[in-house]
Amino acid sequence: AVYVGSGPNPPDVSSVVGNGITYTAIVSTASI
């Protein structure tokens, strides 16, 4: 979950890296 203090659009996740695993995006929600 990525929070912003103000504004309607929290930033997207650019990457998830670690453990010698390739992490692939499944889904991202609209701003909540």
PDB file of all heavy atoms in Angstrom:
ATOM      1  N   ALA A   1       0.863  -1.179   0.000  1.00  0.00           N
ATOM      2  CA  ALA A   1       0.000   0.000   0.000  1.00  0.00           C
ATOM      3  C   ALA A   1       0.898   1.226   0.000  1.00  0.00           C
ATOM      4  O   ALA A   1       1.806   1.331   0.830  1.00  0.00           O
ATOM      5  CB  ALA A   1      -0.918   0.014   1.215  1.00  0.00           C
ATOM      6  N   VAL A   2       0.670   2.138  -0.937  1.00  0.00           N
ATOM      7  CA  VAL A   2       1.472   3.358  -1.070  1.00  0.00           C
ATOM      8  C   VAL A   2       0.570   4.555  -0.773  1.00  0.00           C
ATOM      9  O   VAL A   2      -0.407   4.784  -1.478  1.00  0.00           O
ATOM     10  CB  VAL A   2       2.084   3.479  -2.480  1.00  0.00           C
ATOM     11  CG1 VAL A   2       2.925   4.732  -2.593  1.00  0.00           C
ATOM     12  CG2 VAL A   2       2.902   2.246  -2.826  1.00  0.00           C
ATOM     13  N   TYR A   3       0.907   5.290   0.294  1.00  0.00           N
ATOM     14  CA  TYR A   3       0.124   6.443   0.729  1.00  0.00           C
ATOM     15  C   TYR A   3       0.784   7.748   0.296  1.00  0.00           C
ATOM     16  O   TYR A   3       2.009   7.855   0.287  1.00  0.00           O
ATOM     17  CB  TYR A   3       0.030   6.494   2.262  1.00  0.00           C
ATOM     18  CG  TYR A   3      -0.881   5.479   2.867  1.00  0.00           C
ATOM     19  CD1 TYR A   3      -0.454   4.177   3.097  1.00  0.00           C
ATOM     20  CD2 TYR A   3      -2.175   5.823   3.237  1.00  0.00           C
ATOM     21  CE1 TYR A   3      -1.293   3.246   3.678  1.00  0.00           C
ATOM     22  CE2 TYR A   3      -3.020   4.898   3.813  1.00  0.00           C
ATOM     23  CZ  TYR A   3      -2.581   3.603   4.037  1.00  0.00           C
ATOM     24  OH  TYR A   3      -3.412   2.683   4.601  1.00  0.00           O
ATOM     25  N   VAL A   4      -0.062   8.742   0.004  1.00  0.00           N
ATOM     26  CA  VAL A   4       0.402  10.119  -0.186  1.00  0.00           C
ATOM     27  C   VAL A   4      -0.330  10.978   0.833  1.00  0.00           C
ATOM     28  O   VAL A   4      -1.427  10.640   1.267  1.00  0.00           O
ATOM     29  CB  VAL A   4       0.156  10.649  -1.609  1.00  0.00           C
ATOM     30  CG1 VAL A   4       1.014   9.922  -2.610  1.00  0.00           C
ATOM     31  CG2 VAL A   4      -1.298  10.583  -1.999  1.00  0.00           C
ATOM     32  N   GLY A   5       0.279  12.065   1.230  1.00  0.00           N
ATOM     33  CA  GLY A   5      -0.337  12.936   2.222  1.00  0.00           C
ATOM     34  C   GLY A   5      -1.485  13.747   1.652  1.00  0.00           C
ATOM     35  O   GLY A   5      -2.478  14.001   2.315  1.00  0.00           O
ATOM     36  N   SER A   6      -1.357  14.161   0.414  1.00  0.00           N
ATOM     37  CA  SER A   6      -2.413  14.934  -0.236  1.00  0.00           C
ATOM     38  C   SER A   6      -2.349  14.673  -1.729  1.00  0.00           C
ATOM     39  O   SER A   6      -1.367  14.155  -2.240  1.00  0.00           O
ATOM     40  CB  SER A   6      -2.229  16.429   0.050  1.00  0.00           C
ATOM     41  OG  SER A   6      -0.993  16.869  -0.479  1.00  0.00           O
ATOM     42  N   GLY A   7      -3.398  15.022  -2.410  1.00  0.00           N
ATOM     43  CA  GLY A   7      -3.451  14.771  -3.843  1.00  0.00           C
ATOM     44  C   GLY A   7      -4.162  13.464  -4.112  1.00  0.00           C
ATOM     45  O   GLY A   7      -4.176  12.570  -3.276  1.00  0.00           O
ATOM     46  N   PRO A   8      -4.755  13.326  -5.273  1.00  0.00           N
ATOM     47  CA  PRO A   8      -5.601  12.171  -5.561  1.00  0.00           C
ATOM     48  C   PRO A   8      -4.863  10.923  -6.044  1.00  0.00           C
ATOM     49  O   PRO A   8      -5.443   9.849  -6.055  1.00  0.00           O
ATOM     50  CB  PRO A   8      -6.516  12.689  -6.666  1.00  0.00           C
ATOM     51  CG  PRO A   8      -5.656  13.682  -7.387  1.00  0.00           C
ATOM     52  CD  PRO A   8      -4.804  14.334  -6.328  1.00  0.00           C
ATOM     53  N   ASN A   9      -3.604  11.036  -6.461  1.00  0.00           N
ATOM     54  CA  ASN A   9      -2.972   9.914  -7.141  1.00  0.00           C
ATOM     55  C   ASN A   9      -1.698   9.438  -6.459  1.00  0.00           C
ATOM     56  O   ASN A   9      -0.620   9.967  -6.711  1.00  0.00           O
ATOM     57  CB  ASN A   9      -2.659  10.289  -8.590  1.00  0.00           C
ATOM     58  CG  ASN A   9      -3.911  10.571  -9.373  1.00  0.00           C
ATOM     59  OD1 ASN A   9      -4.860   9.806  -9.309  1.00  0.00           O
ATOM     60  ND2 ASN A   9      -3.935  11.672 -10.091  1.00  0.00           N
ATOM     61  N   PRO A  10      -1.786   8.425  -5.612  1.00  0.00           N
ATOM     62  CA  PRO A  10      -0.572   7.841  -5.034  1.00  0.00           C
ATOM     63  C   PRO A  10       0.290   7.246  -6.147  1.00  0.00           C
ATOM     64  O   PRO A  10      -0.224   6.776  -7.154  1.00  0.00           O
ATOM     65  CB  PRO A  10      -1.103   6.738  -4.123  1.00  0.00           C
ATOM     66  CG  PRO A  10      -2.529   7.094  -3.884  1.00  0.00           C
ATOM     67  CD  PRO A  10      -2.996   7.798  -5.117  1.00  0.00           C
ATOM     68  N   PRO A  11       1.613   7.255  -5.966  1.00  0.00           N
ATOM     69  CA  PRO A  11       2.481   6.723  -7.021  1.00  0.00           C
ATOM     70  C   PRO A  11       2.372   5.205  -7.142  1.00  0.00           C
ATOM     71  O   PRO A  11       1.986   4.516  -6.203  1.00  0.00           O
ATOM     72  CB  PRO A  11       3.884   7.128  -6.558  1.00  0.00           C
ATOM     73  CG  PRO A  11       3.759   7.325  -5.088  1.00  0.00           C
ATOM     74  CD  PRO A  11       2.365   7.790  -4.836  1.00  0.00           C
ATOM     75  N   ASP A  12       2.698   4.723  -8.327  1.00  0.00           N
ATOM     76  CA  ASP A  12       2.742   3.287  -8.569  1.00  0.00           C
ATOM     77  C   ASP A  12       4.025   2.693  -8.009  1.00  0.00           C
ATOM     78  O   ASP A  12       5.022   3.385  -7.822  1.00  0.00           O
ATOM     79  CB  ASP A  12       2.698   3.002 -10.073  1.00  0.00           C
ATOM     80  CG  ASP A  12       1.321   3.216 -10.658  1.00  0.00           C
ATOM     81  OD1 ASP A  12       0.326   2.920  -9.973  1.00  0.00           O
ATOM     82  OD2 ASP A  12       1.243   3.677 -11.803  1.00  0.00           O
ATOM     83  N   VAL A  13       4.003   1.392  -7.789  1.00  0.00           N
ATOM     84  CA  VAL A  13       5.209   0.660  -7.417  1.00  0.00           C
ATOM     85  C   VAL A  13       6.007   0.441  -8.697  1.00  0.00           C
ATOM     86  O   VAL A  13       5.474  -0.034  -9.698  1.00  0.00           O
ATOM     87  CB  VAL A  13       4.862  -0.680  -6.740  1.00  0.00           C
ATOM     88  CG1 VAL A  13       6.104  -1.531  -6.544  1.00  0.00           C
ATOM     89  CG2 VAL A  13       4.152  -0.444  -5.420  1.00  0.00           C
ATOM     90  N   SER A  14       7.284   0.809  -8.672  1.00  0.00           N
ATOM     91  CA  SER A  14       8.155   0.624  -9.837  1.00  0.00           C
ATOM     92  C   SER A  14       8.763  -0.766  -9.859  1.00  0.00           C
ATOM     93  O   SER A  14       8.914  -1.368 -10.916  1.00  0.00           O
ATOM     94  CB  SER A  14       9.301   1.638  -9.825  1.00  0.00           C
ATOM     95  OG  SER A  14       8.817   2.938  -9.833  1.00  0.00           O
ATOM     96  N   SER A  15       9.156  -1.261  -8.667  1.00  0.00           N
ATOM     97  CA  SER A  15       9.765  -2.592  -8.620  1.00  0.00           C
ATOM     98  C   SER A  15       9.681  -3.193  -7.225  1.00  0.00           C
ATOM     99  O   SER A  15       9.606  -2.481  -6.227  1.00  0.00           O
ATOM    100  CB  SER A  15      11.229  -2.532  -9.063  1.00  0.00           C
ATOM    101  OG  SER A  15      12.000  -1.793  -8.133  1.00  0.00           O
ATOM    102  N   VAL A  16       9.677  -4.514  -7.207  1.00  0.00           N
ATOM    103  CA  VAL A  16       9.762  -5.323  -5.991  1.00  0.00           C
ATOM    104  C   VAL A  16      10.901  -6.301  -6.260  1.00  0.00           C
ATOM    105  O   VAL A  16      10.818  -7.099  -7.196  1.00  0.00           O
ATOM    106  CB  VAL A  16       8.442  -6.056  -5.703  1.00  0.00           C
ATOM    107  CG1 VAL A  16       8.579  -6.976  -4.508  1.00  0.00           C
ATOM    108  CG2 VAL A  16       7.304  -5.050  -5.489  1.00  0.00           C
ATOM    109  N   VAL A  17      11.980  -6.223  -5.461  1.00  0.00           N
ATOM    110  CA  VAL A  17      13.193  -6.992  -5.749  1.00  0.00           C
ATOM    111  C   VAL A  17      13.700  -7.658  -4.472  1.00  0.00           C
ATOM    112  O   VAL A  17      13.776  -7.022  -3.420  1.00  0.00           O
ATOM    113  CB  VAL A  17      14.296  -6.058  -6.310  1.00  0.00           C
ATOM    114  CG1 VAL A  17      15.575  -6.820  -6.572  1.00  0.00           C
ATOM    115  CG2 VAL A  17      13.822  -5.344  -7.562  1.00  0.00           C
ATOM    116  N   GLY A  18      14.081  -8.927  -4.585  1.00  0.00           N
ATOM    117  CA  GLY A  18      14.724  -9.601  -3.467  1.00  0.00           C
ATOM    118  C   GLY A  18      14.586 -11.098  -3.525  1.00  0.00           C
ATOM    119  O   GLY A  18      13.746 -11.645  -4.256  1.00  0.00           O
ATOM    120  N   ASN A  19      15.415 -11.793  -2.784  1.00  0.00           N
ATOM    121  CA  ASN A  19      15.370 -13.237  -2.575  1.00  0.00           C
ATOM    122  C   ASN A  19      15.650 -14.063  -3.821  1.00  0.00           C
ATOM    123  O   ASN A  19      15.336 -15.251  -3.850  1.00  0.00           O
ATOM    124  CB  ASN A  19      14.025 -13.658  -1.969  1.00  0.00           C
ATOM    125  CG  ASN A  19      13.672 -12.844  -0.748  1.00  0.00           C
ATOM    126  OD1 ASN A  19      12.822 -11.973  -0.830  1.00  0.00           O
ATOM    127  ND2 ASN A  19      14.338 -13.073   0.351  1.00  0.00           N
ATOM    128  N   GLY A  20      16.211 -13.447  -4.863  1.00  0.00           N
ATOM    129  CA  GLY A  20      16.467 -14.182  -6.091  1.00  0.00           C
ATOM    130  C   GLY A  20      15.188 -14.555  -6.815  1.00  0.00           C
ATOM    131  O   GLY A  20      15.164 -15.466  -7.645  1.00  0.00           O
ATOM    132  N   ILE A  21      14.102 -13.850  -6.508  1.00  0.00           N
ATOM    133  CA  ILE A  21      12.782 -14.114  -7.094  1.00  0.00           C
ATOM    134  C   ILE A  21      12.434 -12.965  -8.035  1.00  0.00           C
ATOM    135  O   ILE A  21      12.659 -11.805  -7.708  1.00  0.00           O
ATOM    136  CB  ILE A  21      11.708 -14.230  -5.989  1.00  0.00           C
ATOM    137  CG1 ILE A  21      12.024 -15.402  -5.051  1.00  0.00           C
ATOM    138  CG2 ILE A  21      10.313 -14.371  -6.589  1.00  0.00           C
ATOM    139  CD1 ILE A  21      11.134 -15.465  -3.816  1.00  0.00           C
ATOM    140  N   THR A  22      11.874 -13.298  -9.200  1.00  0.00           N
ATOM    141  CA  THR A  22      11.337 -12.266 -10.079  1.00  0.00           C
ATOM    142  C   THR A  22       9.889 -12.042  -9.690  1.00  0.00           C
ATOM    143  O   THR A  22       9.058 -12.950  -9.809  1.00  0.00           O
ATOM    144  CB  THR A  22      11.428 -12.698 -11.558  1.00  0.00           C
ATOM    145  OG1 THR A  22      12.801 -12.917 -11.889  1.00  0.00           O
ATOM    146  CG2 THR A  22      10.843 -11.640 -12.473  1.00  0.00           C
ATOM    147  N   TYR A  23       9.591 -10.849  -9.181  1.00  0.00           N
ATOM    148  CA  TYR A  23       8.231 -10.502  -8.768  1.00  0.00           C
ATOM    149  C   TYR A  23       7.518  -9.814  -9.923  1.00  0.00           C
ATOM    150  O   TYR A  23       8.046  -8.891 -10.532  1.00  0.00           O
ATOM    151  CB  TYR A  23       8.255  -9.593  -7.537  1.00  0.00           C
ATOM    152  CG  TYR A  23       8.794 -10.277  -6.302  1.00  0.00           C
ATOM    153  CD1 TYR A  23      10.108 -10.082  -5.896  1.00  0.00           C
ATOM    154  CD2 TYR A  23       7.995 -11.126  -5.558  1.00  0.00           C
ATOM    155  CE1 TYR A  23      10.609 -10.714  -4.763  1.00  0.00           C
ATOM    156  CE2 TYR A  23       8.489 -11.763  -4.426  1.00  0.00           C
ATOM    157  CZ  TYR A  23       9.794 -11.549  -4.034  1.00  0.00           C
ATOM    158  OH  TYR A  23      10.280 -12.179  -2.920  1.00  0.00           O
ATOM    159  N   THR A  24       6.292 -10.269 -10.210  1.00  0.00           N
ATOM    160  CA  THR A  24       5.497  -9.767 -11.322  1.00  0.00           C
ATOM    161  C   THR A  24       4.209  -9.155 -10.778  1.00  0.00           C
ATOM    162  O   THR A  24       3.548  -9.761  -9.926  1.00  0.00           O
ATOM    163  CB  THR A  24       5.148 -10.924 -12.282  1.00  0.00           C
ATOM    164  OG1 THR A  24       6.367 -11.520 -12.739  1.00  0.00           O
ATOM    165  CG2 THR A  24       4.336 -10.439 -13.469  1.00  0.00           C
ATOM    166  N   ALA A  25       3.838  -7.975 -11.275  1.00  0.00           N
ATOM    167  CA  ALA A  25       2.612  -7.319 -10.835  1.00  0.00           C
ATOM    168  C   ALA A  25       1.395  -8.150 -11.231  1.00  0.00           C
ATOM    169  O   ALA A  25       1.310  -8.642 -12.364  1.00  0.00           O
ATOM    170  CB  ALA A  25       2.516  -5.924 -11.437  1.00  0.00           C
ATOM    171  N   ILE A  26       0.473  -8.291 -10.294  1.00  0.00           N
ATOM    172  CA  ILE A  26      -0.799  -8.962 -10.566  1.00  0.00           C
ATOM    173  C   ILE A  26      -1.884  -7.920 -10.785  1.00  0.00           C
ATOM    174  O   ILE A  26      -2.617  -7.959 -11.763  1.00  0.00           O
ATOM    175  CB  ILE A  26      -1.225  -9.885  -9.399  1.00  0.00           C
ATOM    176  CG1 ILE A  26      -0.213 -10.993  -9.185  1.00  0.00           C
ATOM    177  CG2 ILE A  26      -2.611 -10.460  -9.656  1.00  0.00           C
ATOM    178  CD1 ILE A  26      -0.493 -11.840  -7.952  1.00  0.00           C
ATOM    179  N   VAL A  27      -1.996  -6.982  -9.849  1.00  0.00           N
ATOM    180  CA  VAL A  27      -3.080  -6.002  -9.911  1.00  0.00           C
ATOM    181  C   VAL A  27      -2.709  -4.772  -9.094  1.00  0.00           C
ATOM    182  O   VAL A  27      -1.910  -4.847  -8.153  1.00  0.00           O
ATOM    183  CB  VAL A  27      -4.408  -6.631  -9.404  1.00  0.00           C
ATOM    184  CG1 VAL A  27      -4.357  -6.917  -7.922  1.00  0.00           C
ATOM    185  CG2 VAL A  27      -5.611  -5.783  -9.756  1.00  0.00           C
ATOM    186  N   SER A  28      -3.290  -3.643  -9.454  1.00  0.00           N
ATOM    187  CA  SER A  28      -3.159  -2.392  -8.714  1.00  0.00           C
ATOM    188  C   SER A  28      -4.539  -1.760  -8.650  1.00  0.00           C
ATOM    189  O   SER A  28      -5.241  -1.719  -9.667  1.00  0.00           O
ATOM    190  CB  SER A  28      -2.177  -1.460  -9.429  1.00  0.00           C
ATOM    191  OG  SER A  28      -2.134  -0.202  -8.809  1.00  0.00           O
ATOM    192  N   THR A  29      -4.938  -1.294  -7.484  1.00  0.00           N
ATOM    193  CA  THR A  29      -6.257  -0.681  -7.353  1.00  0.00           C
ATOM    194  C   THR A  29      -6.222   0.783  -7.761  1.00  0.00           C
ATOM    195  O   THR A  29      -5.157   1.390  -7.848  1.00  0.00           O
ATOM    196  CB  THR A  29      -6.770  -0.735  -5.908  1.00  0.00           C
ATOM    197  OG1 THR A  29      -5.929   0.071  -5.077  1.00  0.00           O
ATOM    198  CG2 THR A  29      -6.825  -2.158  -5.392  1.00  0.00           C
ATOM    199  N   ALA A  30      -7.382   1.342  -7.968  1.00  0.00           N
ATOM    200  CA  ALA A  30      -7.513   2.789  -8.134  1.00  0.00           C
ATOM    201  C   ALA A  30      -7.221   3.432  -6.784  1.00  0.00           C
ATOM    202  O   ALA A  30      -7.157   2.748  -5.753  1.00  0.00           O
ATOM    203  CB  ALA A  30      -8.924   3.126  -8.590  1.00  0.00           C
ATOM    204  N   SER A  31      -7.037   4.727  -6.764  1.00  0.00           N
ATOM    205  CA  SER A  31      -6.768   5.441  -5.522  1.00  0.00           C
ATOM    206  C   SER A  31      -7.936   5.274  -4.554  1.00  0.00           C
ATOM    207  O   SER A  31      -9.095   5.390  -4.926  1.00  0.00           O
ATOM    208  CB  SER A  31      -6.535   6.921  -5.819  1.00  0.00           C
ATOM    209  OG  SER A  31      -6.223   7.607  -4.639  1.00  0.00           O
ATOM    210  N   ILE A  32      -7.605   4.974  -3.301  1.00  0.00           N
ATOM    211  CA  ILE A  32      -8.585   4.753  -2.238  1.00  0.00           C
ATOM    212  C   ILE A  32      -8.278   5.754  -1.133  1.00  0.00           C
ATOM    213  O   ILE A  32      -7.120   6.047  -0.860  1.00  0.00           O
ATOM    214  CB  ILE A  32      -8.459   3.326  -1.671  1.00  0.00           C
ATOM    215  CG1 ILE A  32      -8.584   2.278  -2.769  1.00  0.00           C
ATOM    216  CG2 ILE A  32      -9.470   3.084  -0.561  1.00  0.00           C
ATOM    217  CD1 ILE A  32      -8.111   0.903  -2.361  1.00  0.00           C
TER     218      ILE A  32
END
